[in-house]
């Protein structure tokens, strides 16, 4: 369980993932054809929760990959959108995925750079 607050890039990553998930919900409500429970919604939500409650660095890399995977879906749905709700959902989804991608890469770089080297053996 996480006991320390999230740094700014990590917080932006979580917010971007949640925003992308909200954009997917907006598109679903607006009538965009997708599965009953969109896989992207599950992936974005689970990754955001993992980042928020754990201290695992690899979840930040997973966030960047999940956000990158949402970009083609956002572009495709934005091109096919013809109603306001579909366009609004695509815009929210794209903004969230883009923010999560950029912030996720930044947060992962910070997390892995701050990693402490393994201590040398005490016998030396």
Protein backbone atom coordinates (compact mmCIF):
# COMPACT_ATOMS: atom_id res chain seq x y z
CA UNK A 1 0.00 0.00 0.00
CA UNK A 2 1.29 3.46 -0.89
CA UNK A 3 2.19 5.60 2.11
CA UNK A 4 3.88 8.49 0.30
CA UNK A 5 2.10 11.11 -1.81
CA UNK A 6 2.33 10.93 -5.59
CA UNK A 7 4.80 13.25 -7.28
CA UNK A 8 3.45 15.64 -9.92
CA UNK A 9 4.19 13.55 -13.07
CA UNK A 10 2.71 10.45 -11.43
CA UNK A 11 -0.39 12.38 -10.38
CA UNK A 12 -0.80 13.72 -13.93
CA UNK A 13 -0.42 10.15 -15.24
CA UNK A 14 -3.20 8.86 -12.98
CA UNK A 15 -5.40 11.84 -13.87
CA UNK A 16 -4.76 11.31 -17.59
CA UNK A 17 -5.66 7.62 -17.36
CA UNK A 18 -8.86 8.46 -15.47
CA UNK A 19 -9.70 11.18 -18.01
CA UNK A 20 -9.20 8.73 -20.87
CA UNK A 21 -11.55 6.28 -19.14
CA UNK A 22 -14.16 9.03 -18.73
CA UNK A 23 -13.81 9.86 -22.43
CA UNK A 24 -14.53 6.22 -23.26
CA UNK A 25 -17.65 6.35 -21.07
CA UNK A 26 -18.80 9.53 -22.79
CA UNK A 27 -18.38 7.84 -26.17
CA UNK A 28 -20.27 4.76 -24.96
CA UNK A 29 -23.17 6.89 -23.74
CA UNK A 30 -23.12 8.90 -26.99
CA UNK A 31 -23.68 5.73 -28.97
CA UNK A 32 -20.25 4.79 -30.29
CA UNK A 33 -20.28 1.11 -31.13
CA UNK A 34 -18.04 -0.80 -28.70
CA UNK A 35 -18.23 -3.88 -26.46
CA UNK A 36 -20.54 -3.80 -23.44
CA UNK A 37 -17.50 -3.25 -21.23
CA UNK A 38 -14.74 -1.68 -23.33
CA UNK A 39 -11.34 -3.29 -22.71
CA UNK A 40 -9.65 0.12 -22.81
CA UNK A 41 -11.85 1.28 -19.95
CA UNK A 42 -10.79 -1.68 -17.81
CA UNK A 43 -7.11 -1.32 -18.69
CA UNK A 44 -6.96 2.43 -18.03
CA UNK A 45 -8.84 2.10 -14.74
CA UNK A 46 -6.81 -0.85 -13.43
CA UNK A 47 -3.49 0.80 -14.28
CA UNK A 48 -4.56 4.08 -12.64
CA UNK A 49 -5.58 2.24 -9.47
CA UNK A 50 -2.33 0.24 -9.41
CA UNK A 51 -0.29 3.42 -9.65
CA UNK A 52 -2.34 5.14 -6.97
CA UNK A 53 -2.13 2.35 -4.40
CA UNK A 54 1.28 0.76 -5.01
CA UNK A 55 4.87 1.95 -5.21
CA UNK A 56 5.81 -0.30 -8.14
CA UNK A 57 7.81 1.60 -10.74
CA UNK A 58 6.86 -0.71 -13.59
CA UNK A 59 3.23 0.44 -13.39
CA UNK A 60 4.35 3.81 -14.77
CA UNK A 61 5.76 2.06 -17.84
CA UNK A 62 2.50 0.13 -18.11
CA UNK A 63 0.61 3.44 -17.97
CA UNK A 64 2.60 4.83 -20.88
CA UNK A 65 1.97 1.65 -22.90
CA UNK A 66 -1.77 1.70 -22.09
CA UNK A 67 -2.02 5.37 -23.06
CA UNK A 68 -0.11 4.73 -26.28
CA UNK A 69 -2.51 1.90 -27.10
CA UNK A 70 -5.47 4.30 -26.70
CA UNK A 71 -4.15 6.82 -29.23
CA UNK A 72 -5.18 4.85 -32.38
CA UNK A 73 -8.63 4.22 -30.89
CA UNK A 74 -9.03 7.90 -30.14
CA UNK A 75 -7.94 8.92 -33.64
CA UNK A 76 -10.25 6.37 -35.27
CA UNK A 77 -13.24 7.37 -33.20
CA UNK A 78 -12.55 11.08 -33.76
CA UNK A 79 -12.44 10.58 -37.54
CA UNK A 80 -15.71 8.62 -37.53
CA UNK A 81 -17.53 10.92 -35.08
CA UNK A 82 -20.53 12.77 -36.45
CA UNK A 83 -22.41 13.80 -33.32
CA UNK A 84 -21.42 16.17 -30.55
CA UNK A 85 -21.24 13.47 -27.84
CA UNK A 86 -18.97 11.32 -29.97
CA UNK A 87 -16.65 14.23 -30.72
CA UNK A 88 -16.61 15.35 -27.08
CA UNK A 89 -15.87 11.82 -25.87
CA UNK A 90 -13.08 11.44 -28.40
CA UNK A 91 -11.59 14.78 -27.35
CA UNK A 92 -11.66 13.86 -23.65
CA UNK A 93 -10.28 10.40 -24.39
CA UNK A 94 -7.48 11.81 -26.54
CA UNK A 95 -6.54 14.53 -24.06
CA UNK A 96 -6.38 12.02 -21.23
CA UNK A 97 -4.38 9.46 -23.21
CA UNK A 98 -1.93 12.09 -24.45
CA UNK A 99 -1.40 13.52 -20.96
CA UNK A 100 -0.98 10.03 -19.50
CA UNK A 101 1.53 9.10 -22.20
CA UNK A 102 3.76 12.14 -21.73
CA UNK A 103 3.49 12.21 -17.93
CA UNK A 104 3.88 8.42 -17.69
CA UNK A 105 7.15 8.51 -19.60
CA UNK A 106 8.36 11.41 -17.44
CA UNK A 107 7.29 9.72 -14.18
CA UNK A 108 8.90 6.42 -15.19
CA UNK A 109 12.16 8.18 -16.06
CA UNK A 110 12.18 9.93 -12.70
CA UNK A 111 11.33 6.74 -10.83
CA UNK A 112 14.04 4.69 -12.50
CA UNK A 113 16.70 7.42 -12.24
CA UNK A 114 16.09 7.80 -8.52
CA UNK A 115 16.60 4.08 -7.97
CA UNK A 116 19.33 3.50 -5.44
CA UNK A 117 22.18 1.17 -6.36
CA UNK A 118 22.36 -2.16 -4.59
CA UNK A 119 24.51 -2.00 -1.46
CA UNK A 120 27.86 -3.74 -1.62
CA UNK A 121 28.21 -6.85 0.47
CA UNK A 122 29.05 -6.26 4.14
CA UNK A 123 31.88 -8.81 4.01
CA UNK A 124 34.21 -6.54 2.01
